[in-house]
């Protein structure tokens, strides 16, 4: 599985001329067995950003998990009915997942333990990426994502991990990478349908 979530703490980019600040949400993905983390900044948490973040997380891992575990946000799922607390994966997300031949099981409402590994990953990213980079000024989203990428690589290559002299990346390469399904030949691209 791959567990995914947005970090609660945002970052920001600052326009070098006007000094206007723009909030940046940080998407975090984690593979539970190896603890491998992925993070990337987006200007919002809307559907397009959500799906692009998943695509990039799959590409970072070099494969597709059999199952994705998101929380029950509206970008991932819809409430089936007013009477039922059960949720169903929404159409756009389902189409994306079908393209990658995987599935998603949104967590229960107010049940963070259902995706406990990514909650731990969010804490790691918050401490070692968001707080570490808090003193730096970024003029563009690309600059910010380059810095985030460097820190993510540092996290994944850091040893020791789990009391052993190997890193998250080593755990992933040795045992988990072979369990992922291959990426499709062409990466997914968003399509917007409009009535003429």
C-alpha atoms as a PDB file:
ATOM      1  CA  UNK A   1       0.000   0.000   0.000  1.00  0.00           C
ATOM      2  CA  UNK A   2       0.846   3.668  -0.297  1.00  0.00           C
ATOM      3  CA  UNK A   3      -0.667   6.024   2.273  1.00  0.00           C
ATOM      4  CA  UNK A   4      -1.240   9.660   1.285  1.00  0.00           C
ATOM      5  CA  UNK A   5      -2.217  12.893   3.034  1.00  0.00           C
ATOM      6  CA  UNK A   6      -1.688  16.654   3.128  1.00  0.00           C
ATOM      7  CA  UNK A   7       0.620  18.037   5.814  1.00  0.00           C
ATOM      8  CA  UNK A   8      -1.194  20.256   8.310  1.00  0.00           C
ATOM      9  CA  UNK A   9       1.572  22.883   8.250  1.00  0.00           C
ATOM     10  CA  UNK A  10       1.848  24.946   5.066  1.00  0.00           C
ATOM     11  CA  UNK A  11       4.891  26.582   3.499  1.00  0.00           C
ATOM     12  CA  UNK A  12       4.945  29.794   1.473  1.00  0.00           C
ATOM     13  CA  UNK A  13       6.460  31.441  -1.551  1.00  0.00           C
ATOM     14  CA  UNK A  14       7.167  35.182  -1.555  1.00  0.00           C
ATOM     15  CA  UNK A  15       7.008  37.395  -4.643  1.00  0.00           C
ATOM     16  CA  UNK A  16      10.429  39.138  -4.818  1.00  0.00           C
ATOM     17  CA  UNK A  17       8.892  42.399  -6.107  1.00  0.00           C
ATOM     18  CA  UNK A  18       5.589  42.843  -4.270  1.00  0.00           C
ATOM     19  CA  UNK A  19       6.573  40.704  -1.239  1.00  0.00           C
ATOM     20  CA  UNK A  20       3.129  39.095  -1.436  1.00  0.00           C
ATOM     21  CA  UNK A  21       3.036  35.634   0.120  1.00  0.00           C
ATOM     22  CA  UNK A  22       1.262  32.594  -1.301  1.00  0.00           C
ATOM     23  CA  UNK A  23       0.490  29.574   0.868  1.00  0.00           C
ATOM     24  CA  UNK A  24       1.755  26.194  -0.359  1.00  0.00           C
ATOM     25  CA  UNK A  25       0.205  22.887   0.743  1.00  0.00           C
ATOM     26  CA  UNK A  26       2.551  19.918   1.099  1.00  0.00           C
ATOM     27  CA  UNK A  27       1.424  16.507  -0.169  1.00  0.00           C
ATOM     28  CA  UNK A  28       3.015  13.536   1.604  1.00  0.00           C
ATOM     29  CA  UNK A  29       3.048   9.882   0.507  1.00  0.00           C
ATOM     30  CA  UNK A  30       4.555   7.010   2.448  1.00  0.00           C
ATOM     31  CA  UNK A  31       5.195   3.332   1.836  1.00  0.00           C
ATOM     32  CA  UNK A  32       4.499   1.576   5.165  1.00  0.00           C
ATOM     33  CA  UNK A  33       6.983  -1.305   4.986  1.00  0.00           C
ATOM     34  CA  UNK A  34      10.105   0.657   4.109  1.00  0.00           C
ATOM     35  CA  UNK A  35       8.994   4.034   5.470  1.00  0.00           C
ATOM     36  CA  UNK A  36      10.011   5.673   2.152  1.00  0.00           C
ATOM     37  CA  UNK A  37       8.495   9.173   1.993  1.00  0.00           C
ATOM     38  CA  UNK A  38       7.656  11.512  -0.862  1.00  0.00           C
ATOM     39  CA  UNK A  39       6.665  15.178  -0.540  1.00  0.00           C
ATOM     40  CA  UNK A  40       5.784  17.958  -2.982  1.00  0.00           C
ATOM     41  CA  UNK A  41       4.279  21.442  -2.685  1.00  0.00           C
ATOM     42  CA  UNK A  42       1.088  22.630  -4.420  1.00  0.00           C
ATOM     43  CA  UNK A  43      -0.727  25.973  -4.520  1.00  0.00           C
ATOM     44  CA  UNK A  44      -4.008  24.323  -3.478  1.00  0.00           C
ATOM     45  CA  UNK A  45      -5.463  20.980  -2.430  1.00  0.00           C
ATOM     46  CA  UNK A  46      -7.896  20.668  -5.331  1.00  0.00           C
ATOM     47  CA  UNK A  47      -8.446  17.590  -7.505  1.00  0.00           C
ATOM     48  CA  UNK A  48      -5.820  18.465 -10.150  1.00  0.00           C
ATOM     49  CA  UNK A  49      -3.089  18.894  -7.500  1.00  0.00           C
ATOM     50  CA  UNK A  50      -4.222  15.718  -5.691  1.00  0.00           C
ATOM     51  CA  UNK A  51      -3.976  13.592  -8.845  1.00  0.00           C
ATOM     52  CA  UNK A  52      -0.692  15.135 -10.017  1.00  0.00           C
ATOM     53  CA  UNK A  53       0.789  14.465  -6.577  1.00  0.00           C
ATOM     54  CA  UNK A  54      -0.211  10.806  -6.804  1.00  0.00           C
ATOM     55  CA  UNK A  55       1.328  10.504 -10.280  1.00  0.00           C
ATOM     56  CA  UNK A  56       4.598  12.000  -9.056  1.00  0.00           C
ATOM     57  CA  UNK A  57       4.617   9.781  -5.956  1.00  0.00           C
ATOM     58  CA  UNK A  58       4.193   6.681  -8.160  1.00  0.00           C
ATOM     59  CA  UNK A  59       7.001   7.879 -10.435  1.00  0.00           C
ATOM     60  CA  UNK A  60       9.243   8.611  -7.438  1.00  0.00           C
ATOM     61  CA  UNK A  61       8.727   5.053  -6.175  1.00  0.00           C
ATOM     62  CA  UNK A  62       9.224   3.678  -9.686  1.00  0.00           C
ATOM     63  CA  UNK A  63       6.004   1.675  -9.551  1.00  0.00           C
ATOM     64  CA  UNK A  64       2.360   1.545  -8.576  1.00  0.00           C
ATOM     65  CA  UNK A  65       1.110   0.123  -5.256  1.00  0.00           C
ATOM     66  CA  UNK A  66      -1.750  -2.372  -5.213  1.00  0.00           C
ATOM     67  CA  UNK A  67      -3.691  -0.074  -2.898  1.00  0.00           C
ATOM     68  CA  UNK A  68      -3.720   3.629  -1.994  1.00  0.00           C
ATOM     69  CA  UNK A  69      -4.985   4.715   1.429  1.00  0.00           C
ATOM     70  CA  UNK A  70      -6.104   8.383   1.495  1.00  0.00           C
ATOM     71  CA  UNK A  71      -8.189  10.101   4.127  1.00  0.00           C
ATOM     72  CA  UNK A  72     -11.849  10.743   3.358  1.00  0.00           C
ATOM     73  CA  UNK A  73     -11.426  14.264   1.941  1.00  0.00           C
ATOM     74  CA  UNK A  74     -13.658  15.319  -0.962  1.00  0.00           C
ATOM     75  CA  UNK A  75     -10.773  15.012  -3.440  1.00  0.00           C
ATOM     76  CA  UNK A  76     -10.689  11.288  -2.679  1.00  0.00           C
ATOM     77  CA  UNK A  77     -14.232  10.257  -1.818  1.00  0.00           C
ATOM     78  CA  UNK A  78     -17.889  11.214  -1.650  1.00  0.00           C
ATOM     79  CA  UNK A  79     -20.427  10.370   1.007  1.00  0.00           C
ATOM     80  CA  UNK A  80     -22.767   7.748  -0.449  1.00  0.00           C
ATOM     81  CA  UNK A  81     -25.884   9.107   1.273  1.00  0.00           C
ATOM     82  CA  UNK A  82     -26.877  11.396   4.127  1.00  0.00           C
ATOM     83  CA  UNK A  83     -27.924   8.402   6.211  1.00  0.00           C
ATOM     84  CA  UNK A  84     -24.718   6.421   5.645  1.00  0.00           C
ATOM     85  CA  UNK A  85     -21.262   7.240   6.985  1.00  0.00           C
ATOM     86  CA  UNK A  86     -19.735   5.063   4.261  1.00  0.00           C
ATOM     87  CA  UNK A  87     -17.881   6.819   1.475  1.00  0.00           C
ATOM     88  CA  UNK A  88     -17.207   5.994  -2.151  1.00  0.00           C
ATOM     89  CA  UNK A  89     -14.187   6.977  -4.268  1.00  0.00           C
ATOM     90  CA  UNK A  90     -15.187   9.946  -6.437  1.00  0.00           C
ATOM     91  CA  UNK A  91     -15.336   9.692 -10.243  1.00  0.00           C
ATOM     92  CA  UNK A  92     -12.177  11.655 -11.146  1.00  0.00           C
ATOM     93  CA  UNK A  93     -10.071   9.797  -8.603  1.00  0.00           C
ATOM     94  CA  UNK A  94     -11.531   6.434  -9.678  1.00  0.00           C
ATOM     95  CA  UNK A  95     -10.683   7.177 -13.324  1.00  0.00           C
ATOM     96  CA  UNK A  96      -7.108   8.066 -12.340  1.00  0.00           C
ATOM     97  CA  UNK A  97      -6.732   4.910 -10.241  1.00  0.00           C
ATOM     98  CA  UNK A  98      -8.169   2.763 -13.038  1.00  0.00           C
ATOM     99  CA  UNK A  99      -5.537   4.157 -15.425  1.00  0.00           C
ATOM    100  CA  UNK A 100      -2.826   2.959 -13.026  1.00  0.00           C
ATOM    101  CA  UNK A 101      -4.701  -0.315 -12.362  1.00  0.00           C
ATOM    102  CA  UNK A 102      -4.807   0.291  -8.633  1.00  0.00           C
ATOM    103  CA  UNK A 103      -7.517   1.061  -6.079  1.00  0.00           C
ATOM    104  CA  UNK A 104      -8.119   3.314  -3.090  1.00  0.00           C
ATOM    105  CA  UNK A 105      -9.695   2.625   0.273  1.00  0.00           C
ATOM    106  CA  UNK A 106     -10.443   5.951   2.015  1.00  0.00           C
ATOM    107  CA  UNK A 107     -10.084   5.848   5.778  1.00  0.00           C
ATOM    108  CA  UNK A 108     -12.957   6.164   8.201  1.00  0.00           C
ATOM    109  CA  UNK A 109     -13.864   9.648   9.390  1.00  0.00           C
ATOM    110  CA  UNK A 110     -11.783  10.722  12.393  1.00  0.00           C
ATOM    111  CA  UNK A 111      -9.707   7.518  12.276  1.00  0.00           C
ATOM    112  CA  UNK A 112      -6.080   8.633  11.771  1.00  0.00           C
ATOM    113  CA  UNK A 113      -4.801   5.175  12.776  1.00  0.00           C
ATOM    114  CA  UNK A 114      -6.166   3.824   9.468  1.00  0.00           C
ATOM    115  CA  UNK A 115      -3.270   5.661   7.832  1.00  0.00           C
ATOM    116  CA  UNK A 116      -0.869   5.780  10.750  1.00  0.00           C
ATOM    117  CA  UNK A 117       2.237   5.385   8.597  1.00  0.00           C
ATOM    118  CA  UNK A 118       1.592   8.519   6.560  1.00  0.00           C
ATOM    119  CA  UNK A 119       0.707  10.380   9.761  1.00  0.00           C
ATOM    120  CA  UNK A 120       4.229   9.493  10.948  1.00  0.00           C
ATOM    121  CA  UNK A 121       5.546  10.507   7.507  1.00  0.00           C
ATOM    122  CA  UNK A 122       3.801  13.876   7.827  1.00  0.00           C
ATOM    123  CA  UNK A 123       5.554  14.397  11.193  1.00  0.00           C
ATOM    124  CA  UNK A 124       8.920  13.542   9.617  1.00  0.00           C
ATOM    125  CA  UNK A 125       8.293  15.891   6.656  1.00  0.00           C
ATOM    126  CA  UNK A 126       7.033  18.647   8.965  1.00  0.00           C
ATOM    127  CA  UNK A 127      10.174  18.435  11.131  1.00  0.00           C
ATOM    128  CA  UNK A 128      12.887  17.678   8.554  1.00  0.00           C
ATOM    129  CA  UNK A 129      11.486  19.591   5.564  1.00  0.00           C
ATOM    130  CA  UNK A 130       8.938  22.268   6.484  1.00  0.00           C
ATOM    131  CA  UNK A 131      10.573  23.452   9.718  1.00  0.00           C
ATOM    132  CA  UNK A 132      14.100  22.958   8.356  1.00  0.00           C
ATOM    133  CA  UNK A 133      13.343  25.187   5.336  1.00  0.00           C
ATOM    134  CA  UNK A 134      11.253  27.725   7.307  1.00  0.00           C
ATOM    135  CA  UNK A 135      14.066  30.301   7.377  1.00  0.00           C
ATOM    136  CA  UNK A 136      14.608  30.282   3.608  1.00  0.00           C
ATOM    137  CA  UNK A 137      12.753  32.518   1.152  1.00  0.00           C
ATOM    138  CA  UNK A 138      11.440  30.938  -2.049  1.00  0.00           C
ATOM    139  CA  UNK A 139      10.375  33.071  -5.012  1.00  0.00           C
ATOM    140  CA  UNK A 140       8.726  30.283  -7.010  1.00  0.00           C
ATOM    141  CA  UNK A 141       7.016  26.962  -6.504  1.00  0.00           C
ATOM    142  CA  UNK A 142       9.737  25.269  -8.583  1.00  0.00           C
ATOM    143  CA  UNK A 143      12.467  26.584  -6.252  1.00  0.00           C
ATOM    144  CA  UNK A 144      10.514  25.397  -3.230  1.00  0.00           C
ATOM    145  CA  UNK A 145       9.926  21.945  -4.719  1.00  0.00           C
ATOM    146  CA  UNK A 146      13.622  21.610  -5.592  1.00  0.00           C
ATOM    147  CA  UNK A 147      14.490  22.283  -1.935  1.00  0.00           C
ATOM    148  CA  UNK A 148      11.784  19.864  -0.745  1.00  0.00           C
ATOM    149  CA  UNK A 149      13.129  17.195  -3.105  1.00  0.00           C
ATOM    150  CA  UNK A 150      16.663  17.564  -1.707  1.00  0.00           C
ATOM    151  CA  UNK A 151      15.391  17.184   1.861  1.00  0.00           C
ATOM    152  CA  UNK A 152      13.243  14.157   0.943  1.00  0.00           C
ATOM    153  CA  UNK A 153      16.313  12.464  -0.555  1.00  0.00           C
ATOM    154  CA  UNK A 154      18.236  13.245   2.650  1.00  0.00           C
ATOM    155  CA  UNK A 155      15.429  11.709   4.767  1.00  0.00           C
ATOM    156  CA  UNK A 156      15.244   8.561   2.630  1.00  0.00           C
ATOM    157  CA  UNK A 157      19.032   8.085   2.575  1.00  0.00           C
ATOM    158  CA  UNK A 158      19.561   8.755   6.286  1.00  0.00           C
ATOM    159  CA  UNK A 159      20.974   5.934   8.435  1.00  0.00           C
ATOM    160  CA  UNK A 160      20.484   4.301  10.837  1.00  0.00           C
ATOM    161  CA  UNK A 161      16.759   3.673  10.410  1.00  0.00           C
ATOM    162  CA  UNK A 162      14.636   1.413  12.650  1.00  0.00           C
ATOM    163  CA  UNK A 163      17.724   0.448  14.626  1.00  0.00           C
ATOM    164  CA  UNK A 164      19.537  -0.980  11.599  1.00  0.00           C
ATOM    165  CA  UNK A 165      22.448   0.355   9.630  1.00  0.00           C
ATOM    166  CA  UNK A 166      20.372   0.886   6.502  1.00  0.00           C
ATOM    167  CA  UNK A 167      18.181   3.689   5.239  1.00  0.00           C
ATOM    168  CA  UNK A 168      14.552   3.941   4.140  1.00  0.00           C
ATOM    169  CA  UNK A 169      15.799   3.817   0.536  1.00  0.00           C
ATOM    170  CA  UNK A 170      17.776   0.632   1.247  1.00  0.00           C
ATOM    171  CA  UNK A 171      14.748  -1.036   2.903  1.00  0.00           C
ATOM    172  CA  UNK A 172      12.665  -0.028  -0.124  1.00  0.00           C
ATOM    173  CA  UNK A 173      15.162  -1.241  -2.732  1.00  0.00           C
ATOM    174  CA  UNK A 174      15.870  -4.557  -1.008  1.00  0.00           C
ATOM    175  CA  UNK A 175      12.311  -5.642  -0.236  1.00  0.00           C
ATOM    176  CA  UNK A 176       9.467  -3.358  -1.270  1.00  0.00           C
ATOM    177  CA  UNK A 177      10.308  -2.146  -4.779  1.00  0.00           C
ATOM    178  CA  UNK A 178       9.759  -5.579  -6.333  1.00  0.00           C
ATOM    179  CA  UNK A 179       6.212  -5.649  -4.906  1.00  0.00           C
ATOM    180  CA  UNK A 180       5.121  -2.576  -6.883  1.00  0.00           C
ATOM    181  CA  UNK A 181       3.327  -2.927 -10.215  1.00  0.00           C
ATOM    182  CA  UNK A 182       5.031  -1.365 -13.247  1.00  0.00           C
ATOM    183  CA  UNK A 183       4.201   2.164 -14.327  1.00  0.00           C
ATOM    184  CA  UNK A 184       2.177   2.485 -17.556  1.00  0.00           C
ATOM    185  CA  UNK A 185       4.084   3.341 -20.743  1.00  0.00           C
ATOM    186  CA  UNK A 186       2.531   6.819 -20.844  1.00  0.00           C
ATOM    187  CA  UNK A 187       2.014   8.850 -17.659  1.00  0.00           C
ATOM    188  CA  UNK A 188      -1.535   9.921 -16.816  1.00  0.00           C
ATOM    189  CA  UNK A 189      -2.615  13.346 -18.082  1.00  0.00           C
ATOM    190  CA  UNK A 190      -5.583  15.313 -16.762  1.00  0.00           C
ATOM    191  CA  UNK A 191      -8.591  15.751 -19.048  1.00  0.00           C
ATOM    192  CA  UNK A 192     -11.325  18.334 -18.512  1.00  0.00           C
ATOM    193  CA  UNK A 193     -14.670  17.657 -20.173  1.00  0.00           C
ATOM    194  CA  UNK A 194     -16.998  20.582 -20.945  1.00  0.00           C
ATOM    195  CA  UNK A 195     -20.420  20.709 -22.570  1.00  0.00           C
ATOM    196  CA  UNK A 196     -20.427  22.802 -25.736  1.00  0.00           C
END
